[in-house]
Amino acid sequence: MNPPLLQFNDKGIYCQQADVYLDPWRPVTNAIITHGHSDHARWGHKNYITHYSNIPIIKYRLGEINVSGKNWNETFTINGVKFSFHPAGHIIGSAQIRVEYKGEIWVFTGDYKTEDDGISVPYEVVKCHSFITECTFGLPAFKWEPQADVMTEINNWWTENRAEGKTSVLFGYSLGKAQRLLKYLDPNIGQIYTHGAIENMTNIVRPMIDLPPTIRVTSETKKEDLLGSIVIAPPSAHGSTWIRKMTPFVTGTASGWMAFRGARRRRAVDRGFVLSDHCDWTGLLESIKATGAEKVICTHGYSDIFSRYLRELGYDARTANTQYEGETNDVEES
């Protein structure tokens, strides 16, 4: 009996026929990478293949690596196996990987979302027989509001804080969420400042997307300059000595986890905004149905609950253990 086209082992998702891994978490010779978050793009592989738009991102994060790029829907063949990248809509440069061999088609989503955020290439449905999906927010409780509504909430919050003479500090991870926030903040309200980690990553992706001007917070930045402004910072900055110069300030977090009662209190922030770069419950189910897949493998997230529900719907669904973290890594994902 032939092994499955894609298998899960202790290094990652392995295609034996092509001798290549998809988003491996241990060093391998050949790695095909979906996107730039650190749980999917790791250091130590000999050869990297990714979408062209992801190359500057992973080079910035991983240093000098041997990497080649492909276009959307460009087929490249390795030992008879056809591979191609298709938009995942998760963050800038994020891709799904389509794998085909002898008429059998698999799709690995990496991380994805179906709402068009205006900065990522929108998610594309790819027909397949087997679908490997994340399910970070694979519970019915997760249902996202439209992005435009959430950004209106955020801009109104900033306006209120400015009227009270306070600095607004908004937390979001440095790759993806930060740029999504920056894209839709209203610069007419006030000045937009950034933490160094946010500014560095934003400068990497500025050639690819139109973003408003930002100012890096440095040791020379004066508290008086920040009053009434908004500062975008990674979650790791919360509670640090860096944030003290913002006083008086109000904190907010943009994350899918803010849909949970008590999440804002547990993260010790003043305001929570429900904004995720992953699919909600409905998005996951609609995406799976649209692929036409009969077999579904659920990776990181609420995989046990979600796969059980899929089996009740008639899918051949199971879980697989990986080292992908979804939004559990507060520094990277939220």
C-alpha atoms as a PDB file:
ATOM      1  CA  MET A   1       0.000   0.000   0.000  1.00  0.00           C
ATOM      2  CA  ASN A   2       1.386   3.379  -1.023  1.00  0.00           C
ATOM      3  CA  PRO A   3       1.910   5.966   1.760  1.00  0.00           C
ATOM      4  CA  PRO A   4      -0.296   9.081   1.753  1.00  0.00           C
ATOM      5  CA  LEU A   5       0.917  11.861  -0.518  1.00  0.00           C
ATOM      6  CA  LEU A   6       1.480  14.021   2.568  1.00  0.00           C
ATOM      7  CA  GLN A   7       2.458  12.543   5.924  1.00  0.00           C
ATOM      8  CA  PHE A   8       3.029  14.013   9.367  1.00  0.00           C
ATOM      9  CA  ASN A   9       6.256  13.094  11.117  1.00  0.00           C
ATOM     10  CA  ASP A  10       8.514  14.529  13.820  1.00  0.00           C
ATOM     11  CA  LYS A  11       9.919  17.177  11.457  1.00  0.00           C
ATOM     12  CA  GLY A  12       6.813  18.461   9.699  1.00  0.00           C
ATOM     13  CA  ILE A  13       4.458  17.657   6.841  1.00  0.00           C
ATOM     14  CA  TYR A  14       6.408  15.401   4.492  1.00  0.00           C
ATOM     15  CA  CYS A  15       5.956  14.567   0.820  1.00  0.00           C
ATOM     16  CA  GLN A  16       8.003  11.396   0.398  1.00  0.00           C
ATOM     17  CA  GLN A  17       7.706  11.281  -3.399  1.00  0.00           C
ATOM     18  CA  ALA A  18       9.276  14.749  -3.716  1.00  0.00           C
ATOM     19  CA  ASP A  19      11.445  14.478  -0.587  1.00  0.00           C
ATOM     20  CA  VAL A  20      10.259  17.890   0.563  1.00  0.00           C
ATOM     21  CA  TYR A  21       8.602  19.263   3.701  1.00  0.00           C
ATOM     22  CA  LEU A  22       5.827  21.830   4.101  1.00  0.00           C
ATOM     23  CA  ASP A  23       6.413  24.315   6.958  1.00  0.00           C
ATOM     24  CA  PRO A  24       8.763  21.951   8.843  1.00  0.00           C
ATOM     25  CA  TRP A  25       9.500  22.688  12.485  1.00  0.00           C
ATOM     26  CA  ARG A  26      12.886  20.911  12.519  1.00  0.00           C
ATOM     27  CA  PRO A  27      15.794  21.471  10.117  1.00  0.00           C
ATOM     28  CA  VAL A  28      15.395  19.687   6.778  1.00  0.00           C
ATOM     29  CA  THR A  29      17.000  19.842   3.332  1.00  0.00           C
ATOM     30  CA  ASN A  30      14.034  21.145   1.316  1.00  0.00           C
ATOM     31  CA  ALA A  31      11.260  23.280   2.831  1.00  0.00           C
ATOM     32  CA  ILE A  32       8.225  24.858   1.156  1.00  0.00           C
ATOM     33  CA  ILE A  33       7.004  27.729   3.344  1.00  0.00           C
ATOM     34  CA  THR A  34       3.463  29.154   3.555  1.00  0.00           C
ATOM     35  CA  HIS A  35       4.193  32.451   5.354  1.00  0.00           C
ATOM     36  CA  GLY A  36       6.545  34.394   7.574  1.00  0.00           C
ATOM     37  CA  HIS A  37       5.288  33.759  11.115  1.00  0.00           C
ATOM     38  CA  SER A  38       7.924  32.075  13.232  1.00  0.00           C
ATOM     39  CA  ASP A  39       5.953  28.879  13.902  1.00  0.00           C
ATOM     40  CA  HIS A  40       5.778  28.213  10.137  1.00  0.00           C
ATOM     41  CA  ALA A  41       9.046  29.693   8.840  1.00  0.00           C
ATOM     42  CA  ARG A  42      11.938  28.452  10.956  1.00  0.00           C
ATOM     43  CA  TRP A  43      15.677  28.803  10.710  1.00  0.00           C
ATOM     44  CA  GLY A  44      17.951  25.890   9.782  1.00  0.00           C
ATOM     45  CA  HIS A  45      16.662  24.478   6.480  1.00  0.00           C
ATOM     46  CA  LYS A  46      19.087  24.057   3.586  1.00  0.00           C
ATOM     47  CA  ASN A  47      16.696  25.234   0.844  1.00  0.00           C
ATOM     48  CA  TYR A  48      13.531  27.342   1.109  1.00  0.00           C
ATOM     49  CA  ILE A  49      10.777  27.791  -1.487  1.00  0.00           C
ATOM     50  CA  THR A  50       8.035  30.361  -0.877  1.00  0.00           C
ATOM     51  CA  HIS A  51       5.929  32.971  -2.637  1.00  0.00           C
ATOM     52  CA  TYR A  52       7.936  35.936  -3.945  1.00  0.00           C
ATOM     53  CA  SER A  53       6.209  38.401  -1.610  1.00  0.00           C
ATOM     54  CA  ASN A  54       7.254  36.360   1.419  1.00  0.00           C
ATOM     55  CA  ILE A  55      10.968  36.362   0.565  1.00  0.00           C
ATOM     56  CA  PRO A  56      11.883  39.776   2.096  1.00  0.00           C
ATOM     57  CA  ILE A  57       9.892  38.878   5.205  1.00  0.00           C
ATOM     58  CA  ILE A  58      11.591  35.566   5.918  1.00  0.00           C
ATOM     59  CA  LYS A  59      15.003  36.946   4.978  1.00  0.00           C
ATOM     60  CA  TYR A  60      14.510  39.733   7.515  1.00  0.00           C
ATOM     61  CA  ARG A  61      13.476  37.220  10.170  1.00  0.00           C
ATOM     62  CA  LEU A  62      15.868  34.353   9.381  1.00  0.00           C
ATOM     63  CA  GLY A  63      18.903  36.139   7.948  1.00  0.00           C
ATOM     64  CA  GLU A  64      20.881  34.917   4.941  1.00  0.00           C
ATOM     65  CA  ILE A  65      19.099  31.820   3.651  1.00  0.00           C
ATOM     66  CA  ASN A  66      18.989  29.998   0.330  1.00  0.00           C
ATOM     67  CA  VAL A  67      15.480  30.845  -0.869  1.00  0.00           C
ATOM     68  CA  SER A  68      13.701  30.811  -4.213  1.00  0.00           C
ATOM     69  CA  GLY A  69      10.353  32.391  -5.035  1.00  0.00           C
ATOM     70  CA  LYS A  70       7.294  31.435  -7.069  1.00  0.00           C
ATOM     71  CA  ASN A  71       4.293  33.370  -8.361  1.00  0.00           C
ATOM     72  CA  TRP A  72       0.664  32.685  -7.515  1.00  0.00           C
ATOM     73  CA  ASN A  73      -0.638  29.606  -9.350  1.00  0.00           C
ATOM     74  CA  GLU A  74       2.805  28.895 -10.830  1.00  0.00           C
ATOM     75  CA  THR A  75       3.312  25.128 -11.031  1.00  0.00           C
ATOM     76  CA  PHE A  76       6.738  23.757 -10.144  1.00  0.00           C
ATOM     77  CA  THR A  77       7.476  20.031 -10.292  1.00  0.00           C
ATOM     78  CA  ILE A  78       9.723  18.000  -7.990  1.00  0.00           C
ATOM     79  CA  ASN A  79      10.198  14.340  -8.926  1.00  0.00           C
ATOM     80  CA  GLY A  80       6.826  14.194 -10.649  1.00  0.00           C
ATOM     81  CA  VAL A  81       4.926  16.008  -7.887  1.00  0.00           C
ATOM     82  CA  LYS A  82       3.298  19.300  -8.860  1.00  0.00           C
ATOM     83  CA  PHE A  83       3.290  22.141  -6.333  1.00  0.00           C
ATOM     84  CA  SER A  84       1.785  25.634  -6.496  1.00  0.00           C
ATOM     85  CA  PHE A  85       1.089  28.570  -4.169  1.00  0.00           C
ATOM     86  CA  HIS A  86      -2.401  30.047  -3.771  1.00  0.00           C
ATOM     87  CA  PRO A  87      -3.419  33.063  -1.644  1.00  0.00           C
ATOM     88  CA  ALA A  88      -4.335  32.305   1.973  1.00  0.00           C
ATOM     89  CA  GLY A  89      -5.437  35.822   3.004  1.00  0.00           C
ATOM     90  CA  HIS A  90      -3.820  35.402   6.438  1.00  0.00           C
ATOM     91  CA  ILE A  91      -1.109  38.070   6.271  1.00  0.00           C
ATOM     92  CA  ILE A  92       1.065  39.682   3.606  1.00  0.00           C
ATOM     93  CA  GLY A  93       2.726  36.973   1.533  1.00  0.00           C
ATOM     94  CA  SER A  94       0.731  34.093   3.043  1.00  0.00           C
ATOM     95  CA  ALA A  95      -0.035  31.111   0.832  1.00  0.00           C
ATOM     96  CA  GLN A  96      -1.748  27.767   0.680  1.00  0.00           C
ATOM     97  CA  ILE A  97       0.248  24.960  -0.911  1.00  0.00           C
ATOM     98  CA  ARG A  98      -1.426  22.758  -3.532  1.00  0.00           C
ATOM     99  CA  VAL A  99       0.196  19.354  -4.051  1.00  0.00           C
ATOM    100  CA  GLU A 100      -0.737  17.023  -6.931  1.00  0.00           C
ATOM    101  CA  TYR A 101       0.566  13.583  -7.883  1.00  0.00           C
ATOM    102  CA  LYS A 102      -1.015  11.102 -10.291  1.00  0.00           C
ATOM    103  CA  GLY A 103      -4.373  12.891 -10.138  1.00  0.00           C
ATOM    104  CA  GLU A 104      -4.498  13.070  -6.336  1.00  0.00           C
ATOM    105  CA  ILE A 105      -4.704  16.632  -4.958  1.00  0.00           C
ATOM    106  CA  TRP A 106      -3.946  17.838  -1.448  1.00  0.00           C
ATOM    107  CA  VAL A 107      -4.046  21.406  -0.100  1.00  0.00           C
ATOM    108  CA  PHE A 108      -2.235  22.630   2.995  1.00  0.00           C
ATOM    109  CA  THR A 109      -3.684  25.946   4.160  1.00  0.00           C
ATOM    110  CA  GLY A 110      -1.003  27.083   6.587  1.00  0.00           C
ATOM    111  CA  ASP A 111      -2.939  29.842   8.388  1.00  0.00           C
ATOM    112  CA  TYR A 112      -5.781  31.541   6.526  1.00  0.00           C
ATOM    113  CA  LYS A 113      -8.787  33.825   6.701  1.00  0.00           C
ATOM    114  CA  THR A 114     -11.586  34.446   4.215  1.00  0.00           C
ATOM    115  CA  GLU A 115     -12.266  38.150   4.882  1.00  0.00           C
ATOM    116  CA  ASP A 116     -10.454  40.461   2.447  1.00  0.00           C
ATOM    117  CA  ASP A 117      -8.365  42.710   4.699  1.00  0.00           C
ATOM    118  CA  GLY A 118      -7.122  44.993   1.921  1.00  0.00           C
ATOM    119  CA  ILE A 119      -3.432  44.227   2.503  1.00  0.00           C
ATOM    120  CA  SER A 120      -3.164  40.475   1.872  1.00  0.00           C
ATOM    121  CA  VAL A 121      -4.018  38.850  -1.454  1.00  0.00           C
ATOM    122  CA  PRO A 122      -7.550  37.500  -0.734  1.00  0.00           C
ATOM    123  CA  TYR A 123      -8.065  33.824   0.083  1.00  0.00           C
ATOM    124  CA  GLU A 124      -8.595  31.593  -2.943  1.00  0.00           C
ATOM    125  CA  VAL A 125     -10.666  28.400  -2.902  1.00  0.00           C
ATOM    126  CA  VAL A 126      -8.583  25.499  -4.231  1.00  0.00           C
ATOM    127  CA  LYS A 127     -10.410  22.294  -5.137  1.00  0.00           C
ATOM    128  CA  CYS A 128      -8.842  19.153  -3.700  1.00  0.00           C
ATOM    129  CA  HIS A 129      -9.415  15.634  -2.389  1.00  0.00           C
ATOM    130  CA  SER A 130      -7.655  16.149   0.962  1.00  0.00           C
ATOM    131  CA  PHE A 131      -7.542  19.424   2.899  1.00  0.00           C
ATOM    132  CA  ILE A 132      -5.129  20.151   5.769  1.00  0.00           C
ATOM    133  CA  THR A 133      -6.663  23.012   7.722  1.00  0.00           C
ATOM    134  CA  GLU A 134      -5.846  25.022  10.800  1.00  0.00           C
ATOM    135  CA  CYS A 135      -8.709  25.482  13.256  1.00  0.00           C
ATOM    136  CA  THR A 136      -7.353  28.084  15.670  1.00  0.00           C
ATOM    137  CA  PHE A 137     -10.873  29.405  16.239  1.00  0.00           C
ATOM    138  CA  GLY A 138     -12.770  26.191  15.549  1.00  0.00           C
ATOM    139  CA  LEU A 139     -15.628  26.802  17.987  1.00  0.00           C
ATOM    140  CA  PRO A 140     -19.128  28.177  17.210  1.00  0.00           C
ATOM    141  CA  ALA A 141     -18.493  30.962  19.747  1.00  0.00           C
ATOM    142  CA  PHE A 142     -16.101  32.629  17.324  1.00  0.00           C
ATOM    143  CA  LYS A 143     -17.913  34.804  14.799  1.00  0.00           C
ATOM    144  CA  TRP A 144     -16.150  37.887  13.502  1.00  0.00           C
ATOM    145  CA  GLU A 145     -17.699  41.281  12.849  1.00  0.00           C
ATOM    146  CA  PRO A 146     -16.743  43.030   9.579  1.00  0.00           C
ATOM    147  CA  GLN A 147     -13.287  44.592   9.654  1.00  0.00           C
ATOM    148  CA  ALA A 148     -14.674  48.051   8.818  1.00  0.00           C
ATOM    149  CA  ASP A 149     -16.869  47.978  11.944  1.00  0.00           C
ATOM    150  CA  VAL A 150     -13.959  46.998  14.191  1.00  0.00           C
ATOM    151  CA  MET A 151     -11.706  49.689  12.761  1.00  0.00           C
ATOM    152  CA  THR A 152     -14.436  52.285  13.335  1.00  0.00           C
ATOM    153  CA  GLU A 153     -14.492  51.165  16.989  1.00  0.00           C
ATOM    154  CA  ILE A 154     -10.724  51.540  17.220  1.00  0.00           C
ATOM    155  CA  ASN A 155     -10.666  55.015  15.657  1.00  0.00           C
ATOM    156  CA  ASN A 156     -13.512  56.154  17.924  1.00  0.00           C
ATOM    157  CA  TRP A 157     -11.620  54.811  20.948  1.00  0.00           C
ATOM    158  CA  TRP A 158      -8.512  56.734  19.893  1.00  0.00           C
ATOM    159  CA  THR A 159     -10.582  59.901  19.411  1.00  0.00           C
ATOM    160  CA  GLU A 160     -12.059  59.581  22.918  1.00  0.00           C
ATOM    161  CA  ASN A 161      -8.637  59.018  24.488  1.00  0.00           C
ATOM    162  CA  ARG A 162      -7.197  61.995  22.631  1.00  0.00           C
ATOM    163  CA  ALA A 163     -10.004  64.222  23.941  1.00  0.00           C
ATOM    164  CA  GLU A 164      -9.002  63.165  27.461  1.00  0.00           C
ATOM    165  CA  GLY A 165      -5.336  63.957  26.827  1.00  0.00           C
ATOM    166  CA  LYS A 166      -4.229  60.321  26.946  1.00  0.00           C
ATOM    167  CA  THR A 167      -1.992  58.232  24.716  1.00  0.00           C
ATOM    168  CA  SER A 168      -3.628  55.196  23.087  1.00  0.00           C
ATOM    169  CA  VAL A 169      -1.418  52.078  23.123  1.00  0.00           C
ATOM    170  CA  LEU A 170      -2.744  49.322  20.870  1.00  0.00           C
ATOM    171  CA  PHE A 171      -1.185  45.856  20.898  1.00  0.00           C
ATOM    172  CA  GLY A 172      -0.930  43.652  17.819  1.00  0.00           C
ATOM    173  CA  TYR A 173       1.747  41.268  16.576  1.00  0.00           C
ATOM    174  CA  SER A 174       4.478  42.776  14.432  1.00  0.00           C
ATOM    175  CA  LEU A 175       3.821  40.912  11.176  1.00  0.00           C
ATOM    176  CA  GLY A 176       0.303  41.098   9.773  1.00  0.00           C
ATOM    177  CA  LYS A 177      -1.868  42.501  12.529  1.00  0.00           C
ATOM    178  CA  ALA A 178       0.185  45.670  12.979  1.00  0.00           C
ATOM    179  CA  GLN A 179       0.053  46.507   9.283  1.00  0.00           C
ATOM    180  CA  ARG A 180      -3.666  45.747   9.154  1.00  0.00           C
ATOM    181  CA  LEU A 181      -4.230  48.220  11.983  1.00  0.00           C
ATOM    182  CA  LEU A 182      -1.978  50.839  10.421  1.00  0.00           C
ATOM    183  CA  LYS A 183      -3.772  50.539   7.095  1.00  0.00           C
ATOM    184  CA  TYR A 184      -7.095  51.668   8.576  1.00  0.00           C
ATOM    185  CA  LEU A 185      -6.129  54.017  11.394  1.00  0.00           C
ATOM    186  CA  ASP A 186      -7.319  57.544  10.625  1.00  0.00           C
ATOM    187  CA  PRO A 187      -4.231  59.834  10.528  1.00  0.00           C
ATOM    188  CA  ASN A 188      -6.552  62.847  10.719  1.00  0.00           C
ATOM    189  CA  ILE A 189      -7.122  62.003  14.394  1.00  0.00           C
ATOM    190  CA  GLY A 190      -3.480  62.379  15.351  1.00  0.00           C
ATOM    191  CA  GLN A 191       0.049  61.080  14.994  1.00  0.00           C
ATOM    192  CA  ILE A 192       0.760  57.354  14.641  1.00  0.00           C
ATOM    193  CA  TYR A 193       3.783  56.050  16.564  1.00  0.00           C
ATOM    194  CA  THR A 194       5.250  52.550  16.524  1.00  0.00           C
ATOM    195  CA  HIS A 195       7.361  50.314  18.715  1.00  0.00           C
ATOM    196  CA  GLY A 196      10.733  49.478  17.102  1.00  0.00           C
ATOM    197  CA  ALA A 197       9.711  45.882  16.323  1.00  0.00           C
ATOM    198  CA  ILE A 198       6.586  47.116  14.535  1.00  0.00           C
ATOM    199  CA  GLU A 199       8.459  49.836  12.647  1.00  0.00           C
ATOM    200  CA  ASN A 200      11.172  47.438  11.467  1.00  0.00           C
ATOM    201  CA  MET A 201       8.709  44.919  10.041  1.00  0.00           C
ATOM    202  CA  THR A 202       6.506  47.636   8.553  1.00  0.00           C
ATOM    203  CA  ASN A 203       9.494  49.043   6.679  1.00  0.00           C
ATOM    204  CA  ILE A 204      10.069  45.597   5.145  1.00  0.00           C
ATOM    205  CA  VAL A 205       6.530  45.411   3.725  1.00  0.00           C
ATOM    206  CA  ARG A 206       5.984  49.087   2.823  1.00  0.00           C
ATOM    207  CA  PRO A 207       7.099  48.475  -0.799  1.00  0.00           C
ATOM    208  CA  MET A 208       4.167  46.029  -1.115  1.00  0.00           C
ATOM    209  CA  ILE A 209       1.324  47.966   0.522  1.00  0.00           C
ATOM    210  CA  ASP A 210       0.245  51.578   1.002  1.00  0.00           C
ATOM    211  CA  LEU A 211       0.466  52.550   4.672  1.00  0.00           C
ATOM    212  CA  PRO A 212       0.264  55.917   6.478  1.00  0.00           C
ATOM    213  CA  PRO A 213       3.414  57.610   7.826  1.00  0.00           C
ATOM    214  CA  THR A 214       4.585  56.399  11.240  1.00  0.00           C
ATOM    215  CA  ILE A 215       7.117  57.589  13.807  1.00  0.00           C
ATOM    216  CA  ARG A 216       9.341  55.174  15.738  1.00  0.00           C
ATOM    217  CA  VAL A 217       9.297  55.585  19.520  1.00  0.00           C
ATOM    218  CA  THR A 218      12.906  56.072  20.647  1.00  0.00           C
ATOM    219  CA  SER A 219      14.717  57.097  23.818  1.00  0.00           C
ATOM    220  CA  GLU A 220      14.513  60.688  22.540  1.00  0.00           C
ATOM    221  CA  THR A 221      10.721  60.596  22.168  1.00  0.00           C
ATOM    222  CA  LYS A 222       9.109  62.934  24.679  1.00  0.00           C
ATOM    223  CA  LYS A 223       6.004  62.084  26.664  1.00  0.00           C
ATOM    224  CA  GLU A 224       4.439  65.359  25.582  1.00  0.00           C
ATOM    225  CA  ASP A 225       4.768  64.332  21.920  1.00  0.00           C
ATOM    226  CA  LEU A 226       2.830  61.137  22.561  1.00  0.00           C
ATOM    227  CA  LEU A 227      -0.185  62.678  24.293  1.00  0.00           C
ATOM    228  CA  GLY A 228      -3.264  62.192  22.151  1.00  0.00           C
ATOM    229  CA  SER A 229      -1.353  60.002  19.692  1.00  0.00           C
ATOM    230  CA  ILE A 230      -1.699  56.272  19.112  1.00  0.00           C
ATOM    231  CA  VAL A 231       1.187  53.826  19.558  1.00  0.00           C
ATOM    232  CA  ILE A 232       1.170  50.376  17.914  1.00  0.00           C
ATOM    233  CA  ALA A 233       3.208  47.866  19.889  1.00  0.00           C
ATOM    234  CA  PRO A 234       3.664  44.088  20.117  1.00  0.00           C
ATOM    235  CA  PRO A 235       1.992  42.305  23.061  1.00  0.00           C
ATOM    236  CA  SER A 236       5.422  41.683  24.588  1.00  0.00           C
ATOM    237  CA  ALA A 237       5.729  45.429  25.272  1.00  0.00           C
ATOM    238  CA  HIS A 238       2.805  45.317  27.716  1.00  0.00           C
ATOM    239  CA  GLY A 239       4.040  45.798  31.266  1.00  0.00           C
ATOM    240  CA  SER A 240       7.587  46.616  30.144  1.00  0.00           C
ATOM    241  CA  THR A 241       9.652  49.621  31.178  1.00  0.00           C
ATOM    242  CA  TRP A 242       9.308  50.854  27.579  1.00  0.00           C
ATOM    243  CA  ILE A 243       5.618  51.625  28.020  1.00  0.00           C
ATOM    244  CA  ARG A 244       6.053  53.797  31.114  1.00  0.00           C
ATOM    245  CA  LYS A 245       6.994  56.878  29.113  1.00  0.00           C
ATOM    246  CA  MET A 246       3.484  56.810  27.584  1.00  0.00           C
ATOM    247  CA  THR A 247       1.843  57.877  30.897  1.00  0.00           C
ATOM    248  CA  PRO A 248      -1.004  58.776  30.975  1.00  0.00           C
ATOM    249  CA  PHE A 249      -2.025  56.022  28.581  1.00  0.00           C
ATOM    250  CA  VAL A 250      -4.912  53.676  27.789  1.00  0.00           C
ATOM    251  CA  THR A 251      -4.262  50.163  26.453  1.00  0.00           C
ATOM    252  CA  GLY A 252      -6.106  48.076  23.890  1.00  0.00           C
ATOM    253  CA  THR A 253      -5.569  44.706  22.200  1.00  0.00           C
ATOM    254  CA  ALA A 254      -6.714  43.598  18.752  1.00  0.00           C
ATOM    255  CA  SER A 255      -7.153  39.819  18.815  1.00  0.00           C
ATOM    256  CA  GLY A 256      -9.614  37.076  18.035  1.00  0.00           C
ATOM    257  CA  TRP A 257      -9.345  35.984  21.656  1.00  0.00           C
ATOM    258  CA  MET A 258     -11.106  39.185  22.711  1.00  0.00           C
ATOM    259  CA  ALA A 259     -14.319  37.374  21.731  1.00  0.00           C
ATOM    260  CA  PHE A 260     -13.922  35.360  24.944  1.00  0.00           C
ATOM    261  CA  ARG A 261     -15.397  36.817  28.096  1.00  0.00           C
ATOM    262  CA  GLY A 262     -12.662  37.705  30.541  1.00  0.00           C
ATOM    263  CA  ALA A 263      -9.898  37.766  27.921  1.00  0.00           C
ATOM    264  CA  ARG A 264      -9.399  41.510  28.235  1.00  0.00           C
ATOM    265  CA  ARG A 265      -9.149  41.253  32.018  1.00  0.00           C
ATOM    266  CA  ARG A 266      -6.693  38.355  31.840  1.00  0.00           C
ATOM    267  CA  ARG A 267      -4.469  40.327  29.498  1.00  0.00           C
ATOM    268  CA  ALA A 268      -4.798  43.387  31.763  1.00  0.00           C
ATOM    269  CA  VAL A 269      -5.804  45.761  28.986  1.00  0.00           C
ATOM    270  CA  ASP A 270      -8.396  48.515  29.108  1.00  0.00           C
ATOM    271  CA  ARG A 271     -10.143  47.661  25.863  1.00  0.00           C
ATOM    272  CA  GLY A 272     -10.389  44.619  23.633  1.00  0.00           C
ATOM    273  CA  PHE A 273     -11.133  44.629  19.907  1.00  0.00           C
ATOM    274  CA  VAL A 274     -12.127  41.381  18.188  1.00  0.00           C
ATOM    275  CA  LEU A 275      -9.927  41.302  15.101  1.00  0.00           C
ATOM    276  CA  SER A 276      -8.258  38.101  13.926  1.00  0.00           C
ATOM    277  CA  ASP A 277      -6.135  37.044  10.978  1.00  0.00           C
ATOM    278  CA  HIS A 278      -7.640  33.555  11.133  1.00  0.00           C
ATOM    279  CA  CYS A 279     -11.003  32.149  10.016  1.00  0.00           C
ATOM    280  CA  ASP A 280     -13.914  32.118  12.421  1.00  0.00           C
ATOM    281  CA  TRP A 281     -16.174  29.059  12.791  1.00  0.00           C
ATOM    282  CA  THR A 282     -18.292  29.895   9.753  1.00  0.00           C
ATOM    283  CA  GLY A 283     -15.258  30.758   7.640  1.00  0.00           C
ATOM    284  CA  LEU A 284     -13.673  27.394   8.376  1.00  0.00           C
ATOM    285  CA  LEU A 285     -16.800  25.425   7.510  1.00  0.00           C
ATOM    286  CA  GLU A 286     -17.527  27.369   4.326  1.00  0.00           C
ATOM    287  CA  SER A 287     -13.913  27.048   3.172  1.00  0.00           C
ATOM    288  CA  ILE A 288     -13.859  23.299   3.671  1.00  0.00           C
ATOM    289  CA  LYS A 289     -17.159  22.825   1.856  1.00  0.00           C
ATOM    290  CA  ALA A 290     -15.983  24.948  -1.081  1.00  0.00           C
ATOM    291  CA  THR A 291     -12.884  22.797  -1.659  1.00  0.00           C
ATOM    292  CA  GLY A 292     -14.998  19.700  -2.326  1.00  0.00           C
ATOM    293  CA  ALA A 293     -12.589  17.707  -0.160  1.00  0.00           C
ATOM    294  CA  GLU A 294     -13.752  14.433   1.368  1.00  0.00           C
ATOM    295  CA  LYS A 295     -10.791  14.041   3.720  1.00  0.00           C
ATOM    296  CA  VAL A 296      -9.938  16.816   6.201  1.00  0.00           C
ATOM    297  CA  ILE A 297      -6.969  16.880   8.575  1.00  0.00           C
ATOM    298  CA  CYS A 298      -7.208  19.420  11.406  1.00  0.00           C
ATOM    299  CA  THR A 299      -4.004  20.812  12.853  1.00  0.00           C
ATOM    300  CA  HIS A 300      -3.512  23.559  15.435  1.00  0.00           C
ATOM    301  CA  GLY A 301      -6.394  25.056  17.395  1.00  0.00           C
ATOM    302  CA  TYR A 302      -9.580  23.380  18.601  1.00  0.00           C
ATOM    303  CA  SER A 303      -8.744  20.399  16.422  1.00  0.00           C
ATOM    304  CA  ASP A 304     -10.443  17.646  18.450  1.00  0.00           C
ATOM    305  CA  ILE A 305     -13.778  19.449  18.740  1.00  0.00           C
ATOM    306  CA  PHE A 306     -13.699  20.713  15.184  1.00  0.00           C
ATOM    307  CA  SER A 307     -12.778  17.358  13.610  1.00  0.00           C
ATOM    308  CA  ARG A 308     -15.525  15.643  15.606  1.00  0.00           C
ATOM    309  CA  TYR A 309     -18.057  18.095  14.234  1.00  0.00           C
ATOM    310  CA  LEU A 310     -16.782  17.533  10.693  1.00  0.00           C
ATOM    311  CA  ARG A 311     -17.258  13.774  11.120  1.00  0.00           C
ATOM    312  CA  GLU A 312     -20.847  14.424  12.176  1.00  0.00           C
ATOM    313  CA  LEU A 313     -21.260  16.297   8.879  1.00  0.00           C
ATOM    314  CA  GLY A 314     -19.998  13.256   6.988  1.00  0.00           C
ATOM    315  CA  TYR A 315     -16.375  14.183   6.345  1.00  0.00           C
ATOM    316  CA  ASP A 316     -13.485  11.770   6.801  1.00  0.00           C
ATOM    317  CA  ALA A 317     -11.850  14.034   9.377  1.00  0.00           C
ATOM    318  CA  ARG A 318      -9.045  13.532  11.860  1.00  0.00           C
ATOM    319  CA  THR A 319      -6.456  15.532  13.775  1.00  0.00           C
ATOM    320  CA  ALA A 320      -2.693  15.729  13.396  1.00  0.00           C
ATOM    321  CA  ASN A 321      -0.145  16.969  15.904  1.00  0.00           C
ATOM    322  CA  THR A 322       2.088  19.819  14.743  1.00  0.00           C
ATOM    323  CA  GLN A 323       4.185  22.543  16.325  1.00  0.00           C
ATOM    324  CA  TYR A 324       2.149  25.360  14.772  1.00  0.00           C
ATOM    325  CA  GLU A 325       0.804  27.725  17.400  1.00  0.00           C
ATOM    326  CA  GLY A 326      -2.003  29.742  15.812  1.00  0.00           C
ATOM    327  CA  GLU A 327      -2.871  32.586  18.164  1.00  0.00           C
ATOM    328  CA  THR A 328      -1.507  30.923  21.296  1.00  0.00           C
ATOM    329  CA  ASN A 329       1.823  32.699  20.825  1.00  0.00           C
ATOM    330  CA  ASP A 330       1.005  36.178  22.088  1.00  0.00           C
ATOM    331  CA  VAL A 331       4.191  37.713  20.713  1.00  0.00           C
ATOM    332  CA  GLU A 332       3.565  36.524  17.173  1.00  0.00           C
ATOM    333  CA  GLU A 333      -0.114  35.774  16.776  1.00  0.00           C
ATOM    334  CA  SER A 334      -3.299  37.447  17.977  1.00  0.00           C
END
